[in-house]
């Protein structure tokens, strides 16, 4: 699944609720609302996913 800001239709791609703001999931390419992002942060593996993305960006991979 490839997403870009062009794929944003105003609805969270996880819970499908209408929202004015979004962010990309740390686990996949879904554009999610801030409520879903808060729930995602509570996952036990969130820190590992965040750290992996950080290391990829530092290595020059901005499409991780």
Protein backbone atom coordinates (compact mmCIF):
# COMPACT_ATOMS: atom_id res chain seq x y z
CA UNK A 1 0.00 0.00 0.00
CA UNK A 2 1.50 3.32 -1.02
CA UNK A 3 0.08 6.49 0.43
CA UNK A 4 0.82 10.11 -0.06
CA UNK A 5 -0.88 13.27 1.07
CA UNK A 6 -2.82 12.99 -2.20
CA UNK A 7 -4.52 9.90 -0.74
CA UNK A 8 -5.95 11.87 2.17
CA UNK A 9 -9.72 12.23 1.83
CA UNK A 10 -10.49 13.67 5.27
CA UNK A 11 -11.17 10.31 6.92
CA UNK A 12 -8.82 8.31 9.11
CA UNK A 13 -7.66 5.25 7.19
CA UNK A 14 -7.83 3.15 10.37
CA UNK A 15 -11.05 4.13 12.18
CA UNK A 16 -12.60 5.91 9.15
CA UNK A 17 -13.82 8.88 11.20
CA UNK A 18 -13.82 12.34 9.64
CA UNK A 19 -10.93 14.47 10.90
CA UNK A 20 -9.11 17.66 9.99
CA UNK A 21 -5.62 16.42 10.84
CA UNK A 22 -3.67 13.25 10.22
CA UNK A 23 -0.28 11.64 10.62
CA UNK A 24 1.25 8.53 9.11
CA UNK A 25 1.20 5.39 11.22
CA UNK A 26 4.49 4.21 12.67
CA UNK A 27 3.64 0.65 11.62
CA UNK A 28 2.34 0.96 8.06
CA UNK A 29 1.49 3.55 5.44
CA UNK A 30 -1.96 4.44 6.80
CA UNK A 31 -2.81 8.10 7.29
CA UNK A 32 -4.43 8.10 10.71
CA UNK A 33 -6.18 10.55 13.02
CA UNK A 34 -4.57 11.76 16.21
CA UNK A 35 -6.83 9.53 18.33
CA UNK A 36 -5.57 6.46 16.48
CA UNK A 37 -2.02 7.78 16.84
CA UNK A 38 -2.50 8.03 20.61
CA UNK A 39 -3.73 4.43 20.69
CA UNK A 40 -0.77 3.37 18.55
CA UNK A 41 1.66 4.95 21.02
CA UNK A 42 0.31 2.63 23.74
CA UNK A 43 1.40 -0.50 21.86
CA UNK A 44 4.25 -2.40 23.46
CA UNK A 45 6.31 -2.31 20.27
CA UNK A 46 5.83 1.40 19.52
CA UNK A 47 9.23 2.48 20.88
CA UNK A 48 10.98 -0.17 18.79
CA UNK A 49 9.18 1.00 15.64
CA UNK A 50 9.92 4.66 16.39
CA UNK A 51 13.60 3.92 17.00
CA UNK A 52 13.86 1.89 13.78
CA UNK A 53 12.40 4.77 11.78
CA UNK A 54 14.78 7.22 13.45
CA UNK A 55 17.80 5.08 12.57
CA UNK A 56 16.61 4.71 8.97
CA UNK A 57 16.22 8.48 8.59
CA UNK A 58 19.66 9.08 10.10
CA UNK A 59 21.06 6.64 7.51
CA UNK A 60 19.42 8.68 4.73
CA UNK A 61 16.31 6.58 4.15
CA UNK A 62 13.52 9.15 4.21
CA UNK A 63 11.03 6.70 2.76
CA UNK A 64 11.15 4.13 5.59
